[in-house]
Amino acid sequence: MDKTTQVLSICGIVGPISYTIVVIVLGFLWPGYNHVTQAISELGGVGAPDAIIMNIAGFALTGTLIAAFALGLHRGISGGNGSKIGPSLLAIYGIGMFAVAFFPWDKTNLASLTSIMHSLFGWTHWIAVTLALLIIPNRLRNDSQWKSYRLYTLSTGLVTAILIVVYAFIGIEGYNGALQRVIVGAQLLWIEITAANLLRLSTLPNM
């Protein structure tokens, strides 16, 4: 029974849930805000009514929890033996999410430093988690307790990679907010499910 891994797995369980709640509630509290058409970043952007809540309880907190979970995932697959690249990329995803909290997006001035840095960290953390989902399956196949999660992880990585390309270069007019939420939702759901399995495994006597 690994207490440290249990705590880190709980971070992975709490993060996606708290983030989803914050996004939904703040969108509801902002009159006129539309989850289908508007980006999540706008909730924490310059001039948003509850930006400080989104940036602290949304981006910063969730990023911290995911980075912690990444360490737990590394510890939990094959007893910490194997490539660190996948979990490290997942940690970068968390760190990038944490960083965007300090550079609110300014939709009225995309050339501002805060908008540029927000986009830089935003795209970096999206690319990092996508690569993580494509690399981690290679490690999962060598652990009998994780092999069944390999196809799900790889599928999530491939689907979100395709959707990110669509979002970045094509877009769906009037539905970009919804598309972004599908991508983020799929990634966070993977973290949620994977963290739940990590917690289960960390409670086994032989771990």
Protein backbone atom coordinates (compact mmCIF):
# COMPACT_ATOMS: atom_id res chain seq x y z
CA MET A 1 0.00 0.00 0.00
CA ASP A 2 1.63 3.24 -1.21
CA LYS A 3 0.32 6.26 0.72
CA THR A 4 2.23 8.81 -1.40
CA THR A 5 0.84 7.43 -4.65
CA GLN A 6 -2.63 7.40 -3.12
CA VAL A 7 -2.40 11.11 -2.34
CA LEU A 8 -1.06 11.89 -5.82
CA SER A 9 -3.81 9.84 -7.44
CA ILE A 10 -6.43 11.76 -5.47
CA CYS A 11 -4.95 14.95 -6.93
CA GLY A 12 -5.69 13.52 -10.37
CA ILE A 13 -9.25 12.72 -9.36
CA VAL A 14 -10.00 16.10 -7.78
CA GLY A 15 -8.43 18.28 -10.50
CA PRO A 16 -10.74 17.52 -13.45
CA ILE A 17 -13.85 17.64 -11.25
CA SER A 18 -13.04 20.97 -9.62
CA TYR A 19 -12.03 22.48 -12.98
CA THR A 20 -15.28 21.40 -14.63
CA ILE A 21 -17.35 22.81 -11.78
CA VAL A 22 -15.52 26.16 -11.90
CA VAL A 23 -15.95 26.50 -15.68
CA ILE A 24 -19.64 25.61 -15.62
CA VAL A 25 -20.50 27.81 -12.63
CA LEU A 26 -18.56 30.87 -13.83
CA GLY A 27 -20.10 30.56 -17.27
CA PHE A 28 -23.53 30.47 -15.67
CA LEU A 29 -22.79 33.50 -13.47
CA TRP A 30 -21.57 35.62 -16.42
CA PRO A 31 -24.66 37.00 -18.20
CA GLY A 32 -24.39 36.46 -21.92
CA TYR A 33 -21.45 34.05 -21.77
CA ASN A 34 -21.85 31.17 -24.22
CA HIS A 35 -20.02 27.87 -23.70
CA VAL A 36 -20.68 26.89 -27.31
CA THR A 37 -19.08 29.92 -28.95
CA GLN A 38 -16.64 31.32 -26.39
CA ALA A 39 -13.26 30.04 -25.21
CA ILE A 40 -12.63 28.83 -21.68
CA SER A 41 -9.80 31.37 -21.43
CA GLU A 42 -12.34 34.19 -21.60
CA LEU A 43 -13.58 33.22 -18.13
CA GLY A 44 -10.19 34.20 -16.74
CA GLY A 45 -9.47 36.90 -19.28
CA VAL A 46 -8.99 40.62 -18.89
CA GLY A 47 -12.31 42.19 -17.93
CA ALA A 48 -14.08 38.93 -17.02
CA PRO A 49 -16.29 39.42 -13.94
CA ASP A 50 -14.87 36.46 -12.02
CA ALA A 51 -11.44 36.22 -13.61
CA ILE A 52 -9.59 35.81 -10.32
CA ILE A 53 -11.68 32.74 -9.45
CA MET A 54 -11.05 31.13 -12.83
CA ASN A 55 -7.35 31.86 -12.72
CA ILE A 56 -6.82 30.61 -9.17
CA ALA A 57 -9.45 27.90 -8.63
CA GLY A 58 -9.56 26.93 -12.30
CA PHE A 59 -6.19 27.14 -14.01
CA ALA A 60 -3.67 27.39 -11.14
CA LEU A 61 -5.22 24.82 -8.82
CA THR A 62 -5.98 22.30 -11.56
CA GLY A 63 -2.53 22.67 -13.07
CA THR A 64 -0.92 22.01 -9.70
CA LEU A 65 -3.06 18.93 -9.08
CA ILE A 66 -2.35 17.49 -12.53
CA ALA A 67 1.40 18.03 -12.19
CA ALA A 68 1.26 16.16 -8.87
CA PHE A 69 -0.77 13.37 -10.46
CA ALA A 70 1.85 13.02 -13.20
CA LEU A 71 4.41 12.07 -10.56
CA GLY A 72 1.99 9.58 -9.07
CA LEU A 73 1.37 8.02 -12.49
CA HIS A 74 5.10 7.57 -13.01
CA ARG A 75 5.37 5.87 -9.62
CA GLY A 76 2.34 3.71 -10.31
CA ILE A 77 3.29 2.22 -13.67
CA SER A 78 5.73 -0.70 -13.34
CA GLY A 79 6.77 0.51 -9.92
CA GLY A 80 8.32 3.67 -11.34
CA ASN A 81 10.48 1.77 -13.81
CA GLY A 82 10.39 2.88 -17.43
CA SER A 83 10.55 5.99 -19.55
CA LYS A 84 9.79 9.25 -17.77
CA ILE A 85 8.94 11.08 -21.00
CA GLY A 86 5.18 10.45 -20.93
CA PRO A 87 4.62 11.41 -17.28
CA SER A 88 6.98 14.38 -17.72
CA LEU A 89 4.88 15.67 -20.63
CA LEU A 90 1.78 15.25 -18.47
CA ALA A 91 3.52 17.30 -15.77
CA ILE A 92 4.28 19.99 -18.38
CA TYR A 93 0.55 20.02 -19.17
CA GLY A 94 -0.15 20.81 -15.53
CA ILE A 95 2.60 23.40 -15.30
CA GLY A 96 1.36 25.10 -18.47
CA MET A 97 -2.18 25.24 -17.11
CA PHE A 98 -0.80 26.75 -13.90
CA ALA A 99 1.16 29.35 -15.89
CA VAL A 100 -1.78 30.64 -17.96
CA ALA A 101 -3.39 31.80 -14.71
CA PHE A 102 -0.79 34.56 -14.48
CA PHE A 103 -1.21 35.72 -18.07
CA PRO A 104 -4.94 36.42 -18.63
CA TRP A 105 -6.06 36.42 -22.23
CA ASP A 106 -7.01 39.85 -23.53
CA LYS A 107 -9.36 39.35 -26.48
CA THR A 108 -9.30 43.11 -27.20
CA ASN A 109 -5.51 43.17 -27.59
CA LEU A 110 -4.08 39.90 -28.86
CA ALA A 111 -0.69 41.55 -29.34
CA SER A 112 -0.33 42.35 -25.64
CA LEU A 113 2.32 40.52 -23.60
CA THR A 114 -0.28 38.82 -21.44
CA SER A 115 -2.20 37.51 -24.48
CA ILE A 116 0.97 36.29 -26.19
CA MET A 117 2.21 34.49 -23.07
CA HIS A 118 -1.25 33.04 -22.45
CA SER A 119 -1.31 31.61 -25.97
CA LEU A 120 2.28 30.34 -25.66
CA PHE A 121 1.63 28.47 -22.43
CA GLY A 122 -1.81 27.40 -23.61
CA TRP A 123 -0.59 25.76 -26.80
CA THR A 124 2.47 24.31 -25.07
CA HIS A 125 0.37 22.54 -22.47
CA TRP A 126 -2.11 21.28 -25.07
CA ILE A 127 0.67 19.84 -27.24
CA ALA A 128 2.36 18.35 -24.17
CA VAL A 129 -0.69 16.41 -23.01
CA THR A 130 -1.41 15.19 -26.54
CA LEU A 131 2.12 13.83 -26.87
CA ALA A 132 1.84 12.33 -23.38
CA LEU A 133 -1.27 10.41 -24.42
CA LEU A 134 0.57 9.06 -27.47
CA ILE A 135 3.72 8.08 -25.55
CA ILE A 136 2.35 6.70 -22.27
CA PRO A 137 0.68 3.67 -23.98
CA ASN A 138 4.14 2.33 -24.77
CA ARG A 139 4.78 2.12 -21.04
CA LEU A 140 1.39 0.72 -20.18
CA ARG A 141 1.87 -2.37 -22.34
CA ASN A 142 4.71 -3.53 -20.10
CA ASP A 143 2.56 -3.53 -16.96
CA SER A 144 -0.12 -6.20 -16.66
CA GLN A 145 -2.17 -3.98 -14.34
CA TRP A 146 -2.28 -1.18 -16.91
CA LYS A 147 -2.36 -2.99 -20.27
CA SER A 148 -6.13 -2.68 -20.58
CA TYR A 149 -5.80 1.13 -20.48
CA ARG A 150 -3.37 1.25 -23.39
CA LEU A 151 -5.92 1.39 -26.23
CA TYR A 152 -8.08 3.95 -24.42
CA THR A 153 -5.07 6.19 -23.79
CA LEU A 154 -3.81 5.93 -27.37
CA SER A 155 -7.30 6.53 -28.81
CA THR A 156 -7.75 9.63 -26.66
CA GLY A 157 -4.39 10.94 -27.86
CA LEU A 158 -5.15 10.35 -31.53
CA VAL A 159 -8.67 11.77 -31.43
CA THR A 160 -7.67 14.88 -29.50
CA ALA A 161 -4.67 15.41 -31.79
CA ILE A 162 -6.99 15.46 -34.81
CA LEU A 163 -9.46 17.77 -33.08
CA ILE A 164 -6.69 20.16 -32.03
CA VAL A 165 -5.59 20.44 -35.68
CA VAL A 166 -9.19 21.19 -36.65
CA TYR A 167 -9.48 23.76 -33.86
CA ALA A 168 -6.18 25.46 -34.74
CA PHE A 169 -6.32 25.53 -38.53
CA ILE A 170 -9.92 25.05 -39.61
CA GLY A 171 -12.30 25.83 -36.78
CA ILE A 172 -16.04 25.29 -36.75
CA GLU A 173 -17.76 28.63 -37.07
CA GLY A 174 -20.05 29.26 -34.15
CA TYR A 175 -18.94 26.11 -32.32
CA ASN A 176 -15.28 26.68 -31.42
CA GLY A 177 -16.12 26.93 -27.73
CA ALA A 178 -17.86 23.56 -27.87
CA LEU A 179 -14.97 22.03 -29.82
CA GLN A 180 -12.48 23.27 -27.26
CA ARG A 181 -14.54 21.75 -24.46
CA VAL A 182 -14.71 18.39 -26.24
CA ILE A 183 -10.91 18.36 -26.48
CA VAL A 184 -10.31 19.47 -22.90
CA GLY A 185 -13.10 17.23 -21.66
CA ALA A 186 -11.61 14.13 -23.31
CA GLN A 187 -8.20 14.87 -21.81
CA LEU A 188 -9.55 15.54 -18.34
CA LEU A 189 -11.76 12.45 -18.49
CA TRP A 190 -8.67 10.36 -19.26
CA ILE A 191 -6.91 11.88 -16.24
CA GLU A 192 -9.98 11.18 -14.08
CA ILE A 193 -10.27 7.54 -15.14
CA THR A 194 -6.53 6.92 -14.98
CA ALA A 195 -6.25 8.54 -11.56
CA ALA A 196 -9.11 6.40 -10.27
CA ASN A 197 -7.30 3.26 -11.41
CA LEU A 198 -4.06 4.50 -9.89
CA LEU A 199 -5.85 5.02 -6.57
CA ARG A 200 -7.29 1.51 -6.76
CA LEU A 201 -3.92 -0.04 -7.49
CA SER A 202 -2.17 2.01 -4.80
CA THR A 203 -4.43 0.46 -2.17
CA LEU A 204 -3.42 -3.09 -3.07
CA PRO A 205 -1.23 -4.78 -0.46
CA ASN A 206 1.58 -5.56 -2.90
CA MET A 207 2.03 -2.00 -4.22
